[in-house]
Amino acid sequence: QIATRGYEYARDTQTWQCRAKQLALEIMA
């Protein structure tokens, strides 16, 4: 159950693709 909740937390927000978008849309902008 912890593994499932961890996955649900991370899957859409804690990937490197997400970091690229944060860098482009929040910091660079």
mmCIF file of all heavy atoms, coordinates in Angstrom:
data_MODEL
# 
_entry.id   MODEL 
# 
loop_
_atom_site.group_PDB 
_atom_site.id 
_atom_site.type_symbol 
_atom_site.label_atom_id 
_atom_site.label_alt_id 
_atom_site.label_comp_id 
_atom_site.label_asym_id 
_atom_site.label_entity_id 
_atom_site.label_seq_id 
_atom_site.pdbx_PDB_ins_code 
_atom_site.Cartn_x 
_atom_site.Cartn_y 
_atom_site.Cartn_z 
_atom_site.occupancy 
_atom_site.B_iso_or_equiv 
_atom_site.pdbx_formal_charge 
_atom_site.auth_seq_id 
_atom_site.auth_comp_id 
_atom_site.auth_asym_id 
_atom_site.auth_atom_id 
_atom_site.pdbx_PDB_model_num 
ATOM 1   N N   . GLN A 1 1  ? 0.823  -1.205 0.000   1.00 0.00 ? 1  GLN A N   1 
ATOM 2   C CA  . GLN A 1 1  ? 0.000  0.000  0.000   1.00 0.00 ? 1  GLN A CA  1 
ATOM 3   C C   . GLN A 1 1  ? 0.863  1.263  0.000   1.00 0.00 ? 1  GLN A C   1 
ATOM 4   O O   . GLN A 1 1  ? 0.542  2.248  -0.685  1.00 0.00 ? 1  GLN A O   1 
ATOM 5   C CB  . GLN A 1 1  ? -0.930 -0.018 1.207   1.00 0.00 ? 1  GLN A CB  1 
ATOM 6   C CG  . GLN A 1 1  ? -2.021 -1.079 1.123   1.00 0.00 ? 1  GLN A CG  1 
ATOM 7   C CD  . GLN A 1 1  ? -2.810 -1.204 2.414   1.00 0.00 ? 1  GLN A CD  1 
ATOM 8   O OE1 . GLN A 1 1  ? -2.569 -0.494 3.382   1.00 0.00 ? 1  GLN A OE1 1 
ATOM 9   N NE2 . GLN A 1 1  ? -3.763 -2.122 2.430   1.00 0.00 ? 1  GLN A NE2 1 
ATOM 10  N N   . ILE A 1 2  ? 1.968  1.239  0.763   1.00 0.00 ? 2  ILE A N   1 
ATOM 11  C CA  . ILE A 1 2  ? 2.880  2.390  0.769   1.00 0.00 ? 2  ILE A CA  1 
ATOM 12  C C   . ILE A 1 2  ? 3.495  2.566  -0.616  1.00 0.00 ? 2  ILE A C   1 
ATOM 13  O O   . ILE A 1 2  ? 3.609  3.690  -1.127  1.00 0.00 ? 2  ILE A O   1 
ATOM 14  C CB  . ILE A 1 2  ? 3.976  2.214  1.840   1.00 0.00 ? 2  ILE A CB  1 
ATOM 15  C CG1 . ILE A 1 2  ? 3.353  2.188  3.234   1.00 0.00 ? 2  ILE A CG1 1 
ATOM 16  C CG2 . ILE A 1 2  ? 5.016  3.334  1.740   1.00 0.00 ? 2  ILE A CG2 1 
ATOM 17  C CD1 . ILE A 1 2  ? 4.331  1.845  4.341   1.00 0.00 ? 2  ILE A CD1 1 
ATOM 18  N N   . ALA A 1 3  ? 3.901  1.451  -1.235  1.00 0.00 ? 3  ALA A N   1 
ATOM 19  C CA  . ALA A 1 3  ? 4.483  1.516  -2.576  1.00 0.00 ? 3  ALA A CA  1 
ATOM 20  C C   . ALA A 1 3  ? 3.496  2.128  -3.568  1.00 0.00 ? 3  ALA A C   1 
ATOM 21  O O   . ALA A 1 3  ? 3.874  2.941  -4.422  1.00 0.00 ? 3  ALA A O   1 
ATOM 22  C CB  . ALA A 1 3  ? 4.899  0.123  -3.028  1.00 0.00 ? 3  ALA A CB  1 
ATOM 23  N N   . THR A 1 4  ? 2.227  1.750  -3.453  1.00 0.00 ? 4  THR A N   1 
ATOM 24  C CA  . THR A 1 4  ? 1.204  2.274  -4.359  1.00 0.00 ? 4  THR A CA  1 
ATOM 25  C C   . THR A 1 4  ? 0.995  3.769  -4.146  1.00 0.00 ? 4  THR A C   1 
ATOM 26  O O   . THR A 1 4  ? 0.902  4.545  -5.109  1.00 0.00 ? 4  THR A O   1 
ATOM 27  C CB  . THR A 1 4  ? -0.122 1.517  -4.147  1.00 0.00 ? 4  THR A CB  1 
ATOM 28  O OG1 . THR A 1 4  ? 0.090  0.125  -4.426  1.00 0.00 ? 4  THR A OG1 1 
ATOM 29  C CG2 . THR A 1 4  ? -1.210 2.056  -5.053  1.00 0.00 ? 4  THR A CG2 1 
ATOM 30  N N   . ARG A 1 5  ? 0.928  4.186  -2.886  1.00 0.00 ? 5  ARG A N   1 
ATOM 31  C CA  . ARG A 1 5  ? 0.744  5.623  -2.606  1.00 0.00 ? 5  ARG A CA  1 
ATOM 32  C C   . ARG A 1 5  ? 1.970  6.429  -3.062  1.00 0.00 ? 5  ARG A C   1 
ATOM 33  O O   . ARG A 1 5  ? 1.828  7.549  -3.570  1.00 0.00 ? 5  ARG A O   1 
ATOM 34  C CB  . ARG A 1 5  ? 0.477  5.837  -1.117  1.00 0.00 ? 5  ARG A CB  1 
ATOM 35  C CG  . ARG A 1 5  ? -0.910 5.398  -0.663  1.00 0.00 ? 5  ARG A CG  1 
ATOM 36  C CD  . ARG A 1 5  ? -1.223 5.889  0.726   1.00 0.00 ? 5  ARG A CD  1 
ATOM 37  N NE  . ARG A 1 5  ? -0.387 5.272  1.742   1.00 0.00 ? 5  ARG A NE  1 
ATOM 38  C CZ  . ARG A 1 5  ? -0.715 4.174  2.429   1.00 0.00 ? 5  ARG A CZ  1 
ATOM 39  N NH1 . ARG A 1 5  ? -1.879 3.579  2.213   1.00 0.00 ? 5  ARG A NH1 1 
ATOM 40  N NH2 . ARG A 1 5  ? 0.099  3.682  3.348   1.00 0.00 ? 5  ARG A NH2 1 
ATOM 41  N N   . GLY A 1 6  ? 3.151  5.861  -2.882  1.00 0.00 ? 6  GLY A N   1 
ATOM 42  C CA  . GLY A 1 6  ? 4.353  6.546  -3.348  1.00 0.00 ? 6  GLY A CA  1 
ATOM 43  C C   . GLY A 1 6  ? 4.343  6.724  -4.852  1.00 0.00 ? 6  GLY A C   1 
ATOM 44  O O   . GLY A 1 6  ? 4.697  7.796  -5.370  1.00 0.00 ? 6  GLY A O   1 
ATOM 45  N N   . TYR A 1 7  ? 3.925  5.687  -5.562  1.00 0.00 ? 7  TYR A N   1 
ATOM 46  C CA  . TYR A 1 7  ? 3.842  5.774  -7.027  1.00 0.00 ? 7  TYR A CA  1 
ATOM 47  C C   . TYR A 1 7  ? 2.842  6.831  -7.457  1.00 0.00 ? 7  TYR A C   1 
ATOM 48  O O   . TYR A 1 7  ? 3.110  7.644  -8.352  1.00 0.00 ? 7  TYR A O   1 
ATOM 49  C CB  . TYR A 1 7  ? 3.456  4.411  -7.594  1.00 0.00 ? 7  TYR A CB  1 
ATOM 50  C CG  . TYR A 1 7  ? 3.200  4.433  -9.083  1.00 0.00 ? 7  TYR A CG  1 
ATOM 51  C CD1 . TYR A 1 7  ? 4.244  4.588  -9.987  1.00 0.00 ? 7  TYR A CD1 1 
ATOM 52  C CD2 . TYR A 1 7  ? 1.895  4.330  -9.572  1.00 0.00 ? 7  TYR A CD2 1 
ATOM 53  C CE1 . TYR A 1 7  ? 4.003  4.633  -11.359 1.00 0.00 ? 7  TYR A CE1 1 
ATOM 54  C CE2 . TYR A 1 7  ? 1.644  4.365  -10.936 1.00 0.00 ? 7  TYR A CE2 1 
ATOM 55  C CZ  . TYR A 1 7  ? 2.694  4.526  -11.821 1.00 0.00 ? 7  TYR A CZ  1 
ATOM 56  O OH  . TYR A 1 7  ? 2.461  4.579  -13.167 1.00 0.00 ? 7  TYR A OH  1 
ATOM 57  N N   . GLU A 1 8  ? 1.681  6.837  -6.813  1.00 0.00 ? 8  GLU A N   1 
ATOM 58  C CA  . GLU A 1 8  ? 0.653  7.816  -7.167  1.00 0.00 ? 8  GLU A CA  1 
ATOM 59  C C   . GLU A 1 8  ? 1.128  9.237  -6.898  1.00 0.00 ? 8  GLU A C   1 
ATOM 60  O O   . GLU A 1 8  ? 0.784  10.170 -7.635  1.00 0.00 ? 8  GLU A O   1 
ATOM 61  C CB  . GLU A 1 8  ? -0.631 7.513  -6.389  1.00 0.00 ? 8  GLU A CB  1 
ATOM 62  C CG  . GLU A 1 8  ? -1.313 6.222  -6.848  1.00 0.00 ? 8  GLU A CG  1 
ATOM 63  C CD  . GLU A 1 8  ? -2.462 5.799  -5.946  1.00 0.00 ? 8  GLU A CD  1 
ATOM 64  O OE1 . GLU A 1 8  ? -2.595 6.390  -4.841  1.00 0.00 ? 8  GLU A OE1 1 
ATOM 65  O OE2 . GLU A 1 8  ? -3.207 4.878  -6.314  1.00 0.00 ? 8  GLU A OE2 1 
ATOM 66  N N   . TYR A 1 9  ? 1.933  9.407  -5.863  1.00 0.00 ? 9  TYR A N   1 
ATOM 67  C CA  . TYR A 1 9  ? 2.473  10.732 -5.556  1.00 0.00 ? 9  TYR A CA  1 
ATOM 68  C C   . TYR A 1 9  ? 3.474  11.181 -6.618  1.00 0.00 ? 9  TYR A C   1 
ATOM 69  O O   . TYR A 1 9  ? 3.467  12.338 -7.053  1.00 0.00 ? 9  TYR A O   1 
ATOM 70  C CB  . TYR A 1 9  ? 3.152  10.715 -4.182  1.00 0.00 ? 9  TYR A CB  1 
ATOM 71  C CG  . TYR A 1 9  ? 3.954  11.969 -3.895  1.00 0.00 ? 9  TYR A CG  1 
ATOM 72  C CD1 . TYR A 1 9  ? 3.329  13.110 -3.407  1.00 0.00 ? 9  TYR A CD1 1 
ATOM 73  C CD2 . TYR A 1 9  ? 5.325  12.012 -4.127  1.00 0.00 ? 9  TYR A CD2 1 
ATOM 74  C CE1 . TYR A 1 9  ? 4.046  14.275 -3.162  1.00 0.00 ? 9  TYR A CE1 1 
ATOM 75  C CE2 . TYR A 1 9  ? 6.058  13.172 -3.883  1.00 0.00 ? 9  TYR A CE2 1 
ATOM 76  C CZ  . TYR A 1 9  ? 5.415  14.294 -3.398  1.00 0.00 ? 9  TYR A CZ  1 
ATOM 77  O OH  . TYR A 1 9  ? 6.134  15.445 -3.168  1.00 0.00 ? 9  TYR A OH  1 
ATOM 78  N N   . ALA A 1 10 ? 4.343  10.266 -7.041  1.00 0.00 ? 10 ALA A N   1 
ATOM 79  C CA  . ALA A 1 10 ? 5.497  10.654 -7.863  1.00 0.00 ? 10 ALA A CA  1 
ATOM 80  C C   . ALA A 1 10 ? 5.256  10.617 -9.356  1.00 0.00 ? 10 ALA A C   1 
ATOM 81  O O   . ALA A 1 10 ? 5.947  11.311 -10.109 1.00 0.00 ? 10 ALA A O   1 
ATOM 82  C CB  . ALA A 1 10 ? 6.687  9.744  -7.527  1.00 0.00 ? 10 ALA A CB  1 
ATOM 83  N N   . ARG A 1 11 ? 4.297  9.844  -9.835  1.00 0.00 ? 11 ARG A N   1 
ATOM 84  C CA  . ARG A 1 11 ? 4.233  9.516  -11.264 1.00 0.00 ? 11 ARG A CA  1 
ATOM 85  C C   . ARG A 1 11 ? 4.069  10.731 -12.174 1.00 0.00 ? 11 ARG A C   1 
ATOM 86  O O   . ARG A 1 11 ? 4.598  10.747 -13.293 1.00 0.00 ? 11 ARG A O   1 
ATOM 87  C CB  . ARG A 1 11 ? 3.097  8.518  -11.517 1.00 0.00 ? 11 ARG A CB  1 
ATOM 88  C CG  . ARG A 1 11 ? 1.708  9.061  -11.218 1.00 0.00 ? 11 ARG A CG  1 
ATOM 89  C CD  . ARG A 1 11 ? 0.638  7.994  -11.378 1.00 0.00 ? 11 ARG A CD  1 
ATOM 90  N NE  . ARG A 1 11 ? -0.662 8.520  -10.956 1.00 0.00 ? 11 ARG A NE  1 
ATOM 91  C CZ  . ARG A 1 11 ? -1.738 7.746  -10.831 1.00 0.00 ? 11 ARG A CZ  1 
ATOM 92  N NH1 . ARG A 1 11 ? -1.654 6.441  -11.096 1.00 0.00 ? 11 ARG A NH1 1 
ATOM 93  N NH2 . ARG A 1 11 ? -2.873 8.281  -10.434 1.00 0.00 ? 11 ARG A NH2 1 
ATOM 94  N N   . ASP A 1 12 ? 3.349  11.758 -11.711 1.00 0.00 ? 12 ASP A N   1 
ATOM 95  C CA  . ASP A 1 12 ? 3.070  12.900 -12.577 1.00 0.00 ? 12 ASP A CA  1 
ATOM 96  C C   . ASP A 1 12 ? 3.877  14.140 -12.228 1.00 0.00 ? 12 ASP A C   1 
ATOM 97  O O   . ASP A 1 12 ? 3.809  15.141 -12.953 1.00 0.00 ? 12 ASP A O   1 
ATOM 98  C CB  . ASP A 1 12 ? 1.575  13.250 -12.519 1.00 0.00 ? 12 ASP A CB  1 
ATOM 99  C CG  . ASP A 1 12 ? 0.695  12.131 -13.049 1.00 0.00 ? 12 ASP A CG  1 
ATOM 100 O OD1 . ASP A 1 12 ? 1.114  11.467 -14.017 1.00 0.00 ? 12 ASP A OD1 1 
ATOM 101 O OD2 . ASP A 1 12 ? -0.384 11.914 -12.479 1.00 0.00 ? 12 ASP A OD2 1 
ATOM 102 N N   . THR A 1 13 ? 4.637  14.102 -11.130 1.00 0.00 ? 13 THR A N   1 
ATOM 103 C CA  . THR A 1 13 ? 5.293  15.331 -10.673 1.00 0.00 ? 13 THR A CA  1 
ATOM 104 C C   . THR A 1 13 ? 6.781  15.193 -10.375 1.00 0.00 ? 13 THR A C   1 
ATOM 105 O O   . THR A 1 13 ? 7.463  16.208 -10.250 1.00 0.00 ? 13 THR A O   1 
ATOM 106 C CB  . THR A 1 13 ? 4.609  15.851 -9.393  1.00 0.00 ? 13 THR A CB  1 
ATOM 107 O OG1 . THR A 1 13 ? 4.685  14.841 -8.365  1.00 0.00 ? 13 THR A OG1 1 
ATOM 108 C CG2 . THR A 1 13 ? 3.151  16.210 -9.653  1.00 0.00 ? 13 THR A CG2 1 
ATOM 109 N N   . GLN A 1 14 ? 7.298  13.966 -10.252 1.00 0.00 ? 14 GLN A N   1 
ATOM 110 C CA  . GLN A 1 14 ? 8.669  13.815 -9.765  1.00 0.00 ? 14 GLN A CA  1 
ATOM 111 C C   . GLN A 1 14 ? 9.577  13.107 -10.778 1.00 0.00 ? 14 GLN A C   1 
ATOM 112 O O   . GLN A 1 14 ? 10.518 12.417 -10.399 1.00 0.00 ? 14 GLN A O   1 
ATOM 113 C CB  . GLN A 1 14 ? 8.675  13.048 -8.428  1.00 0.00 ? 14 GLN A CB  1 
ATOM 114 C CG  . GLN A 1 14 ? 7.760  13.629 -7.369  1.00 0.00 ? 14 GLN A CG  1 
ATOM 115 C CD  . GLN A 1 14 ? 8.040  15.090 -7.047  1.00 0.00 ? 14 GLN A CD  1 
ATOM 116 O OE1 . GLN A 1 14 ? 9.160  15.574 -7.216  1.00 0.00 ? 14 GLN A OE1 1 
ATOM 117 N NE2 . GLN A 1 14 ? 7.030  15.817 -6.588  1.00 0.00 ? 14 GLN A NE2 1 
ATOM 118 N N   . THR A 1 15 ? 9.298  13.279 -12.058 1.00 0.00 ? 15 THR A N   1 
ATOM 119 C CA  . THR A 1 15 ? 10.158 12.730 -13.109 1.00 0.00 ? 15 THR A CA  1 
ATOM 120 C C   . THR A 1 15 ? 11.093 13.822 -13.624 1.00 0.00 ? 15 THR A C   1 
ATOM 121 O O   . THR A 1 15 ? 10.871 15.019 -13.403 1.00 0.00 ? 15 THR A O   1 
ATOM 122 C CB  . THR A 1 15 ? 9.322  12.202 -14.285 1.00 0.00 ? 15 THR A CB  1 
ATOM 123 O OG1 . THR A 1 15 ? 8.672  13.321 -14.923 1.00 0.00 ? 15 THR A OG1 1 
ATOM 124 C CG2 . THR A 1 15 ? 8.288  11.190 -13.813 1.00 0.00 ? 15 THR A CG2 1 
ATOM 125 N N   . TRP A 1 16 ? 12.121 13.419 -14.369 1.00 0.00 ? 16 TRP A N   1 
ATOM 126 C CA  . TRP A 1 16 ? 13.036 14.396 -14.958 1.00 0.00 ? 16 TRP A CA  1 
ATOM 127 C C   . TRP A 1 16 ? 12.359 15.197 -16.062 1.00 0.00 ? 16 TRP A C   1 
ATOM 128 O O   . TRP A 1 16 ? 12.696 16.359 -16.299 1.00 0.00 ? 16 TRP A O   1 
ATOM 129 C CB  . TRP A 1 16 ? 14.293 13.688 -15.480 1.00 0.00 ? 16 TRP A CB  1 
ATOM 130 C CG  . TRP A 1 16 ? 15.218 13.340 -14.360 1.00 0.00 ? 16 TRP A CG  1 
ATOM 131 C CD1 . TRP A 1 16 ? 15.465 12.112 -13.845 1.00 0.00 ? 16 TRP A CD1 1 
ATOM 132 C CD2 . TRP A 1 16 ? 16.013 14.259 -13.592 1.00 0.00 ? 16 TRP A CD2 1 
ATOM 133 N NE1 . TRP A 1 16 ? 16.353 12.196 -12.793 1.00 0.00 ? 16 TRP A NE1 1 
ATOM 134 C CE2 . TRP A 1 16 ? 16.708 13.500 -12.627 1.00 0.00 ? 16 TRP A CE2 1 
ATOM 135 C CE3 . TRP A 1 16 ? 16.191 15.637 -13.625 1.00 0.00 ? 16 TRP A CE3 1 
ATOM 136 C CZ2 . TRP A 1 16 ? 17.578 14.088 -11.707 1.00 0.00 ? 16 TRP A CZ2 1 
ATOM 137 C CZ3 . TRP A 1 16 ? 17.054 16.220 -12.713 1.00 0.00 ? 16 TRP A CZ3 1 
ATOM 138 C CH2 . TRP A 1 16 ? 17.733 15.452 -11.764 1.00 0.00 ? 16 TRP A CH2 1 
ATOM 139 N N   . GLN A 1 17 ? 11.393 14.578 -16.738 1.00 0.00 ? 17 GLN A N   1 
ATOM 140 C CA  . GLN A 1 17 ? 10.635 15.327 -17.738 1.00 0.00 ? 17 GLN A CA  1 
ATOM 141 C C   . GLN A 1 17 ? 9.873  16.465 -17.064 1.00 0.00 ? 17 GLN A C   1 
ATOM 142 O O   . GLN A 1 17 ? 9.778  17.576 -17.602 1.00 0.00 ? 17 GLN A O   1 
ATOM 143 C CB  . GLN A 1 17 ? 9.676  14.386 -18.471 1.00 0.00 ? 17 GLN A CB  1 
ATOM 144 C CG  . GLN A 1 17 ? 10.354 13.374 -19.375 1.00 0.00 ? 17 GLN A CG  1 
ATOM 145 C CD  . GLN A 1 17 ? 10.902 12.159 -18.617 1.00 0.00 ? 17 GLN A CD  1 
ATOM 146 O OE1 . GLN A 1 17 ? 10.696 12.014 -17.413 1.00 0.00 ? 17 GLN A OE1 1 
ATOM 147 N NE2 . GLN A 1 17 ? 11.598 11.294 -19.325 1.00 0.00 ? 17 GLN A NE2 1 
ATOM 148 N N   . CYS A 1 18 ? 9.347  16.189 -15.866 1.00 0.00 ? 18 CYS A N   1 
ATOM 149 C CA  . CYS A 1 18 ? 8.664  17.224 -15.099 1.00 0.00 ? 18 CYS A CA  1 
ATOM 150 C C   . CYS A 1 18 ? 9.635  18.328 -14.699 1.00 0.00 ? 18 CYS A C   1 
ATOM 151 O O   . CYS A 1 18 ? 9.292  19.523 -14.763 1.00 0.00 ? 18 CYS A O   1 
ATOM 152 C CB  . CYS A 1 18 ? 8.018  16.611 -13.863 1.00 0.00 ? 18 CYS A CB  1 
ATOM 153 S SG  . CYS A 1 18 ? 7.234  17.812 -12.761 1.00 0.00 ? 18 CYS A SG  1 
ATOM 154 N N   . ARG A 1 19 ? 10.861 17.961 -14.314 1.00 0.00 ? 19 ARG A N   1 
ATOM 155 C CA  . ARG A 1 19 ? 11.847 18.976 -13.927 1.00 0.00 ? 19 ARG A CA  1 
ATOM 156 C C   . ARG A 1 19 ? 12.198 19.880 -15.121 1.00 0.00 ? 19 ARG A C   1 
ATOM 157 O O   . ARG A 1 19 ? 12.395 21.083 -14.958 1.00 0.00 ? 19 ARG A O   1 
ATOM 158 C CB  . ARG A 1 19 ? 13.107 18.310 -13.391 1.00 0.00 ? 19 ARG A CB  1 
ATOM 159 C CG  . ARG A 1 19 ? 12.937 17.578 -12.080 1.00 0.00 ? 19 ARG A CG  1 
ATOM 160 C CD  . ARG A 1 19 ? 12.635 18.524 -10.920 1.00 0.00 ? 19 ARG A CD  1 
ATOM 161 N NE  . ARG A 1 19 ? 12.478 17.744 -9.697  1.00 0.00 ? 19 ARG A NE  1 
ATOM 162 C CZ  . ARG A 1 19 ? 11.309 17.324 -9.217  1.00 0.00 ? 19 ARG A CZ  1 
ATOM 163 N NH1 . ARG A 1 19 ? 10.174 17.643 -9.846  1.00 0.00 ? 19 ARG A NH1 1 
ATOM 164 N NH2 . ARG A 1 19 ? 11.248 16.602 -8.122  1.00 0.00 ? 19 ARG A NH2 1 
ATOM 165 N N   . ALA A 1 20 ? 12.288 19.299 -16.312 1.00 0.00 ? 20 ALA A N   1 
ATOM 166 C CA  . ALA A 1 20 ? 12.569 20.110 -17.500 1.00 0.00 ? 20 ALA A CA  1 
ATOM 167 C C   . ALA A 1 20 ? 11.467 21.143 -17.694 1.00 0.00 ? 20 ALA A C   1 
ATOM 168 O O   . ALA A 1 20 ? 11.734 22.312 -17.993 1.00 0.00 ? 20 ALA A O   1 
ATOM 169 C CB  . ALA A 1 20 ? 12.688 19.215 -18.734 1.00 0.00 ? 20 ALA A CB  1 
ATOM 170 N N   . LYS A 1 21 ? 10.233 20.720 -17.497 1.00 0.00 ? 21 LYS A N   1 
ATOM 171 C CA  . LYS A 1 21 ? 9.111  21.648 -17.669 1.00 0.00 ? 21 LYS A CA  1 
ATOM 172 C C   . LYS A 1 21 ? 9.107  22.716 -16.582 1.00 0.00 ? 21 LYS A C   1 
ATOM 173 O O   . LYS A 1 21 ? 8.806  23.886 -16.840 1.00 0.00 ? 21 LYS A O   1 
ATOM 174 C CB  . LYS A 1 21 ? 7.802  20.852 -17.695 1.00 0.00 ? 21 LYS A CB  1 
ATOM 175 C CG  . LYS A 1 21 ? 7.694  19.951 -18.928 1.00 0.00 ? 21 LYS A CG  1 
ATOM 176 C CD  . LYS A 1 21 ? 6.597  18.918 -18.819 1.00 0.00 ? 21 LYS A CD  1 
ATOM 177 C CE  . LYS A 1 21 ? 6.678  17.937 -19.998 1.00 0.00 ? 21 LYS A CE  1 
ATOM 178 N NZ  . LYS A 1 21 ? 5.704  16.839 -19.889 1.00 0.00 ? 21 LYS A NZ  1 
ATOM 179 N N   . GLN A 1 22 ? 9.461  22.322 -15.348 1.00 0.00 ? 22 GLN A N   1 
ATOM 180 C CA  . GLN A 1 22 ? 9.567  23.316 -14.276 1.00 0.00 ? 22 GLN A CA  1 
ATOM 181 C C   . GLN A 1 22 ? 10.643 24.351 -14.614 1.00 0.00 ? 22 GLN A C   1 
ATOM 182 O O   . GLN A 1 22 ? 10.443 25.562 -14.422 1.00 0.00 ? 22 GLN A O   1 
ATOM 183 C CB  . GLN A 1 22 ? 9.927  22.625 -12.959 1.00 0.00 ? 22 GLN A CB  1 
ATOM 184 C CG  . GLN A 1 22 ? 8.802  21.872 -12.295 1.00 0.00 ? 22 GLN A CG  1 
ATOM 185 C CD  . GLN A 1 22 ? 9.267  21.204 -11.011 1.00 0.00 ? 22 GLN A CD  1 
ATOM 186 O OE1 . GLN A 1 22 ? 9.644  20.038 -11.001 1.00 0.00 ? 22 GLN A OE1 1 
ATOM 187 N NE2 . GLN A 1 22 ? 9.257  21.954 -9.934  1.00 0.00 ? 22 GLN A NE2 1 
ATOM 188 N N   . LEU A 1 23 ? 11.782 23.869 -15.099 1.00 0.00 ? 23 LEU A N   1 
ATOM 189 C CA  . LEU A 1 23 ? 12.871 24.773 -15.451 1.00 0.00 ? 23 LEU A CA  1 
ATOM 190 C C   . LEU A 1 23 ? 12.441 25.735 -16.557 1.00 0.00 ? 23 LEU A C   1 
ATOM 191 O O   . LEU A 1 23 ? 12.671 26.951 -16.469 1.00 0.00 ? 23 LEU A O   1 
ATOM 192 C CB  . LEU A 1 23 ? 14.101 23.968 -15.885 1.00 0.00 ? 23 LEU A CB  1 
ATOM 193 C CG  . LEU A 1 23 ? 15.320 24.760 -16.370 1.00 0.00 ? 23 LEU A CG  1 
ATOM 194 C CD1 . LEU A 1 23 ? 15.764 25.789 -15.338 1.00 0.00 ? 23 LEU A CD1 1 
ATOM 195 C CD2 . LEU A 1 23 ? 16.471 23.806 -16.706 1.00 0.00 ? 23 LEU A CD2 1 
ATOM 196 N N   . ALA A 1 24 ? 11.791 25.202 -17.584 1.00 0.00 ? 24 ALA A N   1 
ATOM 197 C CA  . ALA A 1 24 ? 11.403 26.030 -18.725 1.00 0.00 ? 24 ALA A CA  1 
ATOM 198 C C   . ALA A 1 24 ? 10.285 26.995 -18.390 1.00 0.00 ? 24 ALA A C   1 
ATOM 199 O O   . ALA A 1 24 ? 10.339 28.182 -18.728 1.00 0.00 ? 24 ALA A O   1 
ATOM 200 C CB  . ALA A 1 24 ? 10.997 25.135 -19.897 1.00 0.00 ? 24 ALA A CB  1 
ATOM 201 N N   . LEU A 1 25 ? 9.245  26.484 -17.725 1.00 0.00 ? 25 LEU A N   1 
ATOM 202 C CA  . LEU A 1 25 ? 8.022  27.263 -17.571 1.00 0.00 ? 25 LEU A CA  1 
ATOM 203 C C   . LEU A 1 25 ? 7.981  28.112 -16.308 1.00 0.00 ? 25 LEU A C   1 
ATOM 204 O O   . LEU A 1 25 ? 7.194  29.062 -16.220 1.00 0.00 ? 25 LEU A O   1 
ATOM 205 C CB  . LEU A 1 25 ? 6.812  26.316 -17.598 1.00 0.00 ? 25 LEU A CB  1 
ATOM 206 C CG  . LEU A 1 25 ? 6.704  25.437 -18.852 1.00 0.00 ? 25 LEU A CG  1 
ATOM 207 C CD1 . LEU A 1 25 ? 5.513  24.500 -18.761 1.00 0.00 ? 25 LEU A CD1 1 
ATOM 208 C CD2 . LEU A 1 25 ? 6.621  26.303 -20.105 1.00 0.00 ? 25 LEU A CD2 1 
ATOM 209 N N   . GLU A 1 26 ? 8.798  27.761 -15.317 1.00 0.00 ? 26 GLU A N   1 
ATOM 210 C CA  . GLU A 1 26 ? 8.797  28.517 -14.065 1.00 0.00 ? 26 GLU A CA  1 
ATOM 211 C C   . GLU A 1 26 ? 10.054 29.352 -13.878 1.00 0.00 ? 26 GLU A C   1 
ATOM 212 O O   . GLU A 1 26 ? 9.986  30.542 -13.581 1.00 0.00 ? 26 GLU A O   1 
ATOM 213 C CB  . GLU A 1 26 ? 8.624  27.569 -12.876 1.00 0.00 ? 26 GLU A CB  1 
ATOM 214 C CG  . GLU A 1 26 ? 7.308  26.786 -12.886 1.00 0.00 ? 26 GLU A CG  1 
ATOM 215 C CD  . GLU A 1 26 ? 7.214  25.760 -11.771 1.00 0.00 ? 26 GLU A CD  1 
ATOM 216 O OE1 . GLU A 1 26 ? 7.993  25.856 -10.802 1.00 0.00 ? 26 GLU A OE1 1 
ATOM 217 O OE2 . GLU A 1 26 ? 6.374  24.847 -11.892 1.00 0.00 ? 26 GLU A OE2 1 
ATOM 218 N N   . ILE A 1 27 ? 11.229 28.736 -14.103 1.00 0.00 ? 27 ILE A N   1 
ATOM 219 C CA  . ILE A 1 27 ? 12.474 29.438 -13.831 1.00 0.00 ? 27 ILE A CA  1 
ATOM 220 C C   . ILE A 1 27 ? 12.921 30.265 -15.014 1.00 0.00 ? 27 ILE A C   1 
ATOM 221 O O   . ILE A 1 27 ? 13.148 31.471 -14.919 1.00 0.00 ? 27 ILE A O   1 
ATOM 222 C CB  . ILE A 1 27 ? 13.571 28.438 -13.402 1.00 0.00 ? 27 ILE A CB  1 
ATOM 223 C CG1 . ILE A 1 27 ? 13.148 27.763 -12.085 1.00 0.00 ? 27 ILE A CG1 1 
ATOM 224 C CG2 . ILE A 1 27 ? 14.928 29.139 -13.258 1.00 0.00 ? 27 ILE A CG2 1 
ATOM 225 C CD1 . ILE A 1 27 ? 14.097 26.677 -11.612 1.00 0.00 ? 27 ILE A CD1 1 
ATOM 226 N N   . MET A 1 28 ? 13.033 29.630 -16.197 1.00 0.00 ? 28 MET A N   1 
ATOM 227 C CA  . MET A 1 28 ? 13.462 30.372 -17.391 1.00 0.00 ? 28 MET A CA  1 
ATOM 228 C C   . MET A 1 28 ? 12.476 31.492 -17.714 1.00 0.00 ? 28 MET A C   1 
ATOM 229 O O   . MET A 1 28 ? 12.873 32.599 -18.084 1.00 0.00 ? 28 MET A O   1 
ATOM 230 C CB  . MET A 1 28 ? 13.574 29.425 -18.589 1.00 0.00 ? 28 MET A CB  1 
ATOM 231 C CG  . MET A 1 28 ? 14.740 28.475 -18.527 1.00 0.00 ? 28 MET A CG  1 
ATOM 232 S SD  . MET A 1 28 ? 14.776 27.420 -20.015 1.00 0.00 ? 28 MET A SD  1 
ATOM 233 C CE  . MET A 1 28 ? 16.279 26.486 -19.713 1.00 0.00 ? 28 MET A CE  1 
ATOM 234 N N   . ALA A 1 29 ? 11.206 31.209 -17.553 1.00 0.00 ? 29 ALA A N   1 
ATOM 235 C CA  . ALA A 1 29 ? 10.180 32.194 -17.909 1.00 0.00 ? 29 ALA A CA  1 
ATOM 236 C C   . ALA A 1 29 ? 10.232 33.413 -16.990 1.00 0.00 ? 29 ALA A C   1 
ATOM 237 O O   . ALA A 1 29 ? 9.787  34.496 -17.372 1.00 0.00 ? 29 ALA A O   1 
ATOM 238 C CB  . ALA A 1 29 ? 8.806  31.551 -17.863 1.00 0.00 ? 29 ALA A CB  1 
# 
